[in-house]
N, C-alpha and C. Protein backbone atom coordinates (compact mmCIF):
# COMPACT_ATOMS: atom_id res chain seq x y z
N MET A 1 -28.58 -0.53 7.58
CA MET A 1 -27.69 -1.57 7.91
C MET A 1 -26.40 -1.03 7.69
N ALA A 2 -25.53 -1.36 8.74
CA ALA A 2 -24.21 -1.24 9.01
C ALA A 2 -23.24 -1.74 7.78
N SER A 3 -21.96 -1.05 7.69
CA SER A 3 -21.11 -1.72 6.64
C SER A 3 -19.87 -1.34 7.16
N LEU A 4 -18.94 -2.01 6.66
CA LEU A 4 -17.52 -1.89 7.03
C LEU A 4 -16.54 -2.11 5.63
N ASN A 5 -15.70 -1.22 5.58
CA ASN A 5 -14.64 -1.39 4.31
C ASN A 5 -13.31 -1.09 4.98
N LYS A 6 -12.80 -2.21 5.45
CA LYS A 6 -11.34 -2.15 6.16
C LYS A 6 -10.41 -3.10 5.73
N ILE A 7 -9.15 -2.70 5.33
CA ILE A 7 -8.22 -3.77 4.69
C ILE A 7 -7.04 -3.59 5.71
N SER A 8 -6.40 -4.68 6.17
CA SER A 8 -5.04 -4.65 6.75
C SER A 8 -4.02 -5.73 6.19
N ILE A 9 -2.90 -5.26 5.84
CA ILE A 9 -2.04 -6.22 5.24
C ILE A 9 -0.53 -5.84 5.72
N ILE A 10 0.28 -6.85 5.74
CA ILE A 10 1.79 -6.63 6.09
C ILE A 10 2.59 -7.31 5.04
N GLY A 11 3.47 -6.61 4.51
CA GLY A 11 4.18 -7.05 3.25
C GLY A 11 5.39 -6.33 3.05
N ASN A 12 5.87 -6.47 1.79
CA ASN A 12 7.07 -6.02 1.45
C ASN A 12 6.84 -5.11 0.28
N LEU A 13 7.56 -3.84 0.08
CA LEU A 13 7.51 -3.00 -1.04
C LEU A 13 8.20 -3.60 -2.30
N GLY A 14 7.56 -3.71 -3.39
CA GLY A 14 7.95 -4.48 -4.55
C GLY A 14 8.94 -3.37 -5.43
N ALA A 15 8.79 -2.02 -5.10
CA ALA A 15 9.50 -1.09 -5.83
C ALA A 15 9.73 0.24 -4.90
N ASP A 16 10.51 1.15 -5.14
CA ASP A 16 10.48 2.37 -4.61
C ASP A 16 8.98 3.00 -4.79
N PRO A 17 8.69 3.82 -3.71
CA PRO A 17 7.58 4.56 -3.74
C PRO A 17 7.62 5.58 -5.10
N GLU A 18 6.27 5.89 -5.67
CA GLU A 18 6.15 6.70 -6.83
C GLU A 18 5.34 7.97 -6.25
N ILE A 19 5.95 9.26 -6.18
CA ILE A 19 5.38 10.24 -5.50
C ILE A 19 5.03 11.28 -6.56
N ARG A 20 3.69 11.84 -6.29
CA ARG A 20 3.18 12.78 -7.18
C ARG A 20 2.75 13.91 -6.37
N THR A 21 2.72 15.18 -6.97
CA THR A 21 2.04 16.26 -6.40
C THR A 21 1.01 16.78 -7.44
N LEU A 22 -0.19 16.67 -6.86
CA LEU A 22 -1.24 17.07 -7.71
C LEU A 22 -1.23 18.59 -7.88
N PRO A 23 -2.18 19.22 -9.01
CA PRO A 23 -2.22 20.53 -9.26
C PRO A 23 -2.71 21.40 -7.96
N THR A 24 -3.48 20.60 -7.15
CA THR A 24 -4.03 21.21 -5.94
C THR A 24 -2.97 21.45 -4.88
N GLY A 25 -1.92 20.97 -5.15
CA GLY A 25 -0.80 20.70 -4.12
C GLY A 25 -0.81 19.56 -3.17
N SER A 26 -1.78 18.84 -3.25
CA SER A 26 -1.80 17.57 -2.64
C SER A 26 -0.83 16.69 -3.13
N LYS A 27 -0.25 15.81 -1.90
CA LYS A 27 0.86 14.88 -2.38
C LYS A 27 0.39 13.49 -2.04
N VAL A 28 0.59 12.67 -3.15
CA VAL A 28 0.21 11.23 -2.94
C VAL A 28 1.56 10.35 -3.14
N ALA A 29 1.45 9.39 -2.54
CA ALA A 29 2.63 8.20 -2.86
C ALA A 29 1.86 7.14 -3.18
N GLN A 30 2.40 6.35 -4.16
CA GLN A 30 1.71 4.98 -4.61
C GLN A 30 3.02 3.83 -4.49
N ILE A 31 2.48 2.89 -3.67
CA ILE A 31 3.35 1.80 -3.49
C ILE A 31 2.73 0.46 -3.92
N ARG A 32 3.52 -0.49 -4.15
CA ARG A 32 3.24 -1.79 -4.48
C ARG A 32 3.76 -2.83 -3.42
N VAL A 33 2.78 -3.42 -2.70
CA VAL A 33 3.14 -4.45 -1.44
C VAL A 33 2.69 -5.73 -1.98
N ALA A 34 3.77 -6.64 -1.67
CA ALA A 34 3.47 -7.99 -1.88
C ALA A 34 3.22 -8.80 -0.53
N THR A 35 2.30 -9.70 -0.52
CA THR A 35 1.91 -10.43 0.46
C THR A 35 2.05 -11.75 0.24
N THR A 36 2.83 -12.78 0.84
CA THR A 36 2.95 -14.18 0.37
C THR A 36 2.41 -15.11 1.43
N GLU A 37 1.66 -16.13 0.95
CA GLU A 37 1.12 -17.13 1.62
C GLU A 37 1.80 -18.38 1.45
N SER A 38 2.22 -19.25 2.28
CA SER A 38 2.82 -20.44 2.12
C SER A 38 2.11 -21.56 2.85
N TYR A 39 1.95 -22.58 2.14
CA TYR A 39 1.13 -23.91 2.55
C TYR A 39 1.64 -25.10 1.75
N LYS A 40 1.10 -26.17 2.29
CA LYS A 40 1.61 -27.33 1.77
C LYS A 40 0.31 -27.83 0.99
N ASN A 41 0.49 -28.33 -0.43
CA ASN A 41 -0.81 -28.79 -0.91
C ASN A 41 -1.05 -30.17 -0.71
N LYS A 42 -1.99 -30.85 -1.48
CA LYS A 42 -2.16 -32.38 -1.15
C LYS A 42 -1.20 -33.24 -1.27
N ASN A 43 -0.25 -32.94 -2.18
CA ASN A 43 0.82 -33.80 -2.25
C ASN A 43 1.99 -33.60 -1.34
N GLY A 44 1.77 -32.82 -0.46
CA GLY A 44 2.91 -32.40 0.51
C GLY A 44 4.08 -31.40 0.26
N GLU A 45 3.87 -30.80 -1.05
CA GLU A 45 4.78 -30.09 -1.51
C GLU A 45 4.30 -28.56 -0.91
N LYS A 46 5.54 -27.79 -0.59
CA LYS A 46 5.35 -26.50 -0.17
C LYS A 46 5.12 -25.56 -1.53
N VAL A 47 3.82 -24.92 -1.14
CA VAL A 47 3.48 -23.88 -2.36
C VAL A 47 3.47 -22.32 -1.84
N GLU A 48 4.09 -21.35 -2.38
CA GLU A 48 4.00 -20.17 -2.02
C GLU A 48 3.15 -19.24 -3.08
N GLU A 49 2.10 -18.37 -2.72
CA GLU A 49 1.33 -17.66 -3.47
C GLU A 49 1.45 -16.15 -3.01
N THR A 50 1.91 -15.36 -3.96
CA THR A 50 2.12 -13.94 -3.64
C THR A 50 0.99 -13.09 -4.25
N GLU A 51 0.40 -12.31 -3.58
CA GLU A 51 -0.48 -11.42 -4.07
C GLU A 51 0.03 -9.85 -4.10
N TRP A 52 -0.29 -9.10 -5.05
CA TRP A 52 0.36 -7.64 -5.09
C TRP A 52 -0.74 -6.87 -4.88
N HIS A 53 -0.49 -5.86 -3.98
CA HIS A 53 -1.55 -4.83 -3.58
C HIS A 53 -1.10 -3.50 -4.00
N ARG A 54 -1.90 -2.55 -4.60
CA ARG A 54 -1.54 -1.12 -4.97
C ARG A 54 -2.01 -0.31 -3.88
N ILE A 55 -1.30 0.64 -3.40
CA ILE A 55 -1.78 1.44 -2.24
C ILE A 55 -1.40 2.94 -2.48
N ASP A 56 -2.36 3.75 -2.19
CA ASP A 56 -2.20 5.14 -2.17
C ASP A 56 -2.11 5.64 -0.82
N LEU A 57 -1.20 6.53 -0.46
CA LEU A 57 -0.97 7.16 0.76
C LEU A 57 -0.78 8.63 0.36
N TRP A 58 -1.76 9.46 1.06
CA TRP A 58 -1.98 11.02 0.91
C TRP A 58 -1.24 11.89 1.92
N GLU A 59 -0.98 12.81 1.60
CA GLU A 59 -0.47 13.99 2.39
C GLU A 59 0.65 13.75 3.32
N GLY A 60 0.46 13.69 4.69
CA GLY A 60 1.46 13.36 5.74
C GLY A 60 2.01 11.91 5.40
N LEU A 61 1.22 11.02 5.13
CA LEU A 61 1.58 9.57 4.78
C LEU A 61 2.41 9.55 3.71
N ALA A 62 2.09 10.41 2.62
CA ALA A 62 2.93 10.34 1.42
C ALA A 62 4.43 10.92 1.75
N GLY A 63 4.65 11.97 2.71
CA GLY A 63 5.78 12.57 2.96
C GLY A 63 6.59 11.79 3.53
N VAL A 64 6.05 10.97 4.73
CA VAL A 64 6.89 9.94 5.27
C VAL A 64 7.12 8.58 4.40
N THR A 65 6.34 8.24 3.52
CA THR A 65 6.71 7.32 2.48
C THR A 65 7.90 7.62 1.63
N GLU A 66 7.71 8.65 1.14
CA GLU A 66 8.68 9.37 0.35
C GLU A 66 10.19 9.50 1.09
N GLN A 67 10.02 9.87 2.37
CA GLN A 67 11.23 9.94 3.00
C GLN A 67 11.96 8.71 3.42
N PHE A 68 11.17 7.81 4.02
CA PHE A 68 11.72 6.61 4.67
C PHE A 68 11.46 5.22 3.87
N LEU A 69 10.81 5.07 2.99
CA LEU A 69 10.58 3.80 2.49
C LEU A 69 11.00 3.50 1.08
N LYS A 70 11.60 2.23 0.75
CA LYS A 70 12.16 1.91 -0.43
C LYS A 70 12.00 0.51 -0.61
N LYS A 71 12.17 0.05 -1.91
CA LYS A 71 11.83 -1.40 -2.22
C LYS A 71 12.59 -2.24 -1.22
N GLY A 72 11.71 -3.28 -0.89
CA GLY A 72 12.09 -4.20 0.22
C GLY A 72 11.71 -4.09 1.58
N ASP A 73 11.33 -2.82 1.78
CA ASP A 73 11.09 -2.57 3.11
C ASP A 73 9.61 -3.25 3.61
N SER A 74 9.45 -3.67 4.85
CA SER A 74 8.40 -4.21 5.54
C SER A 74 7.26 -3.20 5.98
N VAL A 75 6.10 -3.05 5.69
CA VAL A 75 5.36 -2.32 6.30
C VAL A 75 3.85 -2.80 6.76
N TYR A 76 3.32 -2.41 7.51
CA TYR A 76 1.88 -2.73 7.98
C TYR A 76 1.15 -1.38 7.45
N ILE A 77 -0.14 -1.93 6.69
CA ILE A 77 -1.07 -0.85 6.04
C ILE A 77 -2.21 -1.25 6.40
N GLU A 78 -2.98 -0.09 6.81
CA GLU A 78 -4.41 -0.37 7.14
C GLU A 78 -5.31 0.83 6.31
N GLY A 79 -6.35 0.35 5.77
CA GLY A 79 -6.96 1.45 5.10
C GLY A 79 -8.32 0.82 4.48
N LYS A 80 -8.86 1.37 3.24
CA LYS A 80 -10.10 0.94 2.89
C LYS A 80 -9.83 0.65 1.44
N LEU A 81 -10.78 -0.42 0.88
CA LEU A 81 -10.69 -0.78 -0.72
C LEU A 81 -11.33 0.36 -1.38
N LYS A 82 -10.88 0.56 -2.58
CA LYS A 82 -11.44 1.57 -3.52
C LYS A 82 -11.10 0.74 -4.94
N SER A 83 -12.47 0.90 -5.66
CA SER A 83 -12.56 0.26 -7.02
C SER A 83 -12.32 1.30 -7.94
N GLU A 84 -11.62 0.95 -9.24
CA GLU A 84 -11.55 1.88 -10.34
C GLU A 84 -11.96 1.16 -11.53
N LYS A 85 -12.75 2.07 -12.21
CA LYS A 85 -13.26 1.51 -13.57
C LYS A 85 -12.99 2.38 -14.72
N TRP A 86 -12.49 1.88 -15.83
CA TRP A 86 -12.17 2.63 -16.97
C TRP A 86 -12.32 1.97 -18.16
N THR A 87 -12.44 2.31 -19.28
CA THR A 87 -12.66 1.69 -20.61
C THR A 87 -11.28 1.65 -21.31
N ASP A 88 -10.60 0.48 -21.62
CA ASP A 88 -9.44 0.41 -22.60
C ASP A 88 -9.58 0.78 -23.89
N SER A 89 -8.34 0.73 -24.66
CA SER A 89 -8.40 1.33 -25.86
C SER A 89 -9.28 0.47 -26.91
N SER A 90 -9.61 -0.78 -26.55
CA SER A 90 -10.29 -1.62 -27.16
C SER A 90 -11.93 -1.33 -26.97
N GLY A 91 -12.31 -0.43 -25.99
CA GLY A 91 -13.64 -0.16 -25.74
C GLY A 91 -14.14 -1.13 -24.44
N VAL A 92 -13.41 -1.92 -23.92
CA VAL A 92 -13.66 -3.05 -22.93
C VAL A 92 -13.77 -2.17 -21.63
N GLU A 93 -14.69 -2.22 -20.77
CA GLU A 93 -14.74 -1.86 -19.43
C GLU A 93 -13.80 -2.71 -18.54
N ARG A 94 -12.86 -2.11 -17.69
CA ARG A 94 -11.96 -2.79 -16.84
C ARG A 94 -12.14 -2.18 -15.44
N PHE A 95 -11.75 -3.10 -14.54
CA PHE A 95 -11.82 -2.60 -13.11
C PHE A 95 -10.50 -3.04 -12.48
N SER A 96 -10.24 -2.29 -11.64
CA SER A 96 -8.79 -2.62 -10.73
C SER A 96 -9.22 -2.22 -9.28
N TYR A 97 -8.69 -2.57 -8.38
CA TYR A 97 -8.59 -2.27 -6.92
C TYR A 97 -7.48 -1.85 -6.25
N LYS A 98 -7.57 -0.93 -5.34
CA LYS A 98 -6.35 -0.40 -4.71
C LYS A 98 -6.91 -0.10 -3.26
N ILE A 99 -5.98 0.13 -2.37
CA ILE A 99 -6.08 0.49 -1.04
C ILE A 99 -5.57 1.68 -0.70
N ARG A 100 -6.76 2.48 -0.12
CA ARG A 100 -6.46 3.87 0.17
C ARG A 100 -6.11 3.86 1.86
N ALA A 101 -4.85 4.14 1.94
CA ALA A 101 -4.26 3.78 3.34
C ALA A 101 -4.49 5.00 4.37
N ASN A 102 -4.77 4.62 5.49
CA ASN A 102 -5.04 5.69 6.51
C ASN A 102 -4.12 5.54 7.97
N VAL A 103 -3.44 4.27 7.80
CA VAL A 103 -2.45 3.94 8.68
C VAL A 103 -1.11 3.32 7.96
N MET A 104 0.08 3.61 8.45
CA MET A 104 1.13 3.05 7.86
C MET A 104 2.03 2.79 9.14
N GLN A 105 2.53 1.72 9.18
CA GLN A 105 3.64 1.52 10.08
C GLN A 105 4.93 0.59 9.53
N MET A 106 5.91 1.38 9.67
CA MET A 106 7.12 0.66 9.25
C MET A 106 7.57 -0.42 10.08
N LEU A 107 8.31 -1.59 9.71
CA LEU A 107 8.34 -2.77 10.52
C LEU A 107 9.57 -3.31 10.51
N GLY A 108 10.57 -2.35 10.59
CA GLY A 108 11.96 -2.70 10.85
C GLY A 108 12.73 -2.79 9.54
N LYS A 109 13.70 -3.45 9.52
CA LYS A 109 14.89 -3.18 8.42
C LYS A 109 14.33 -4.29 7.50
N SER A 110 14.63 -3.84 6.31
CA SER A 110 14.51 -4.83 5.10
C SER A 110 15.64 -5.76 5.12
N GLN A 111 15.48 -6.82 4.27
CA GLN A 111 16.66 -7.95 3.98
C GLN A 111 17.74 -7.20 3.39
N LYS A 112 17.53 -6.08 2.67
CA LYS A 112 18.26 -5.68 1.66
C LYS A 112 19.02 -4.38 2.05
N SER A 113 18.43 -3.86 3.34
CA SER A 113 19.07 -2.67 3.74
C SER A 113 19.37 -2.54 5.16
N GLU A 114 20.34 -2.04 5.54
CA GLU A 114 20.70 -2.13 6.93
C GLU A 114 20.71 -0.60 7.58
N THR A 115 19.94 0.21 6.81
CA THR A 115 19.64 1.66 7.19
C THR A 115 18.14 2.02 7.52
N SER A 116 17.37 0.99 7.35
CA SER A 116 15.90 1.18 7.54
C SER A 116 15.66 1.65 9.05
N THR A 117 14.63 2.32 9.09
CA THR A 117 14.15 2.86 10.46
C THR A 117 13.45 1.52 11.26
N PRO A 118 14.01 1.50 12.62
CA PRO A 118 13.40 0.38 13.32
C PRO A 118 12.02 0.40 13.60
N ALA A 119 11.34 -0.60 13.66
CA ALA A 119 9.74 -0.61 13.59
C ALA A 119 9.17 0.18 14.96
N SER A 120 9.81 0.29 15.81
CA SER A 120 9.19 0.95 17.05
C SER A 120 9.39 2.56 16.78
N THR A 121 10.04 2.98 15.76
CA THR A 121 10.27 4.52 15.53
C THR A 121 9.00 5.23 15.19
N PHE A 122 8.25 4.52 14.11
CA PHE A 122 6.99 5.33 13.52
C PHE A 122 5.74 4.50 13.50
N THR A 123 4.77 4.97 13.77
CA THR A 123 3.24 4.63 13.55
C THR A 123 2.68 5.76 12.98
N ILE A 124 2.33 5.92 11.75
CA ILE A 124 1.81 6.96 11.16
C ILE A 124 0.21 6.84 11.10
N LEU A 125 -0.52 7.73 11.56
CA LEU A 125 -2.00 7.75 11.27
C LEU A 125 -2.49 8.84 10.55
N SER A 126 -3.24 8.86 9.78
CA SER A 126 -3.75 9.89 9.05
C SER A 126 -5.39 9.78 9.21
N SER A 127 -5.88 10.51 10.08
CA SER A 127 -7.42 10.64 10.40
C SER A 127 -7.77 11.80 9.50
N GLU A 128 -7.18 12.82 9.10
CA GLU A 128 -7.68 13.78 8.23
C GLU A 128 -7.10 13.86 6.80
N VAL A 129 -7.81 13.63 5.79
CA VAL A 129 -7.16 13.58 4.60
C VAL A 129 -7.96 14.46 3.72
N ASN A 130 -7.19 15.50 3.32
CA ASN A 130 -7.82 16.50 2.45
C ASN A 130 -7.32 16.58 1.24
N ASP A 131 -7.69 15.71 0.21
CA ASP A 131 -7.11 15.37 -1.16
C ASP A 131 -7.83 16.07 -2.15
N GLY A 132 -8.84 16.87 -1.85
CA GLY A 132 -9.50 17.54 -2.86
C GLY A 132 -10.52 16.66 -3.84
N LEU A 133 -10.68 15.25 -3.52
CA LEU A 133 -11.43 14.39 -4.23
C LEU A 133 -12.81 14.44 -3.41
N PRO A 134 -13.82 14.11 -4.33
CA PRO A 134 -15.24 14.49 -3.59
C PRO A 134 -15.56 13.21 -2.98
N PHE A 135 -14.90 12.22 -2.62
CA PHE A 135 -15.30 10.95 -2.18
C PHE A 135 -14.27 10.54 -1.03
């Protein structure tokens, strides 16, 4: 049976990227991206719902993220959903999800910055990710 794990989002960074270099030398950028949906409820009132997405960008994508992105910038992200499981200090198993990006495109100027890169300048594809992880 075939399967597909693919996520595409367009949103804005909620904070500046967090950049780490692993002991193996691999670089990873972590960003938080907000997507907002607007609709009218049954009473005709406008409602906005914002979802926050945690995203990991590796190697080349991490370098571009570090160099060009900051809080408020708009991005298109494509990748796959990854789950994480851990046990908290109370002994309760917890789960969270993040997106492992393999495509990132900057979507023009943020509302807070006049120096962001125009949308047509970069589309970054990462088809080869060598992060030292077994999955």
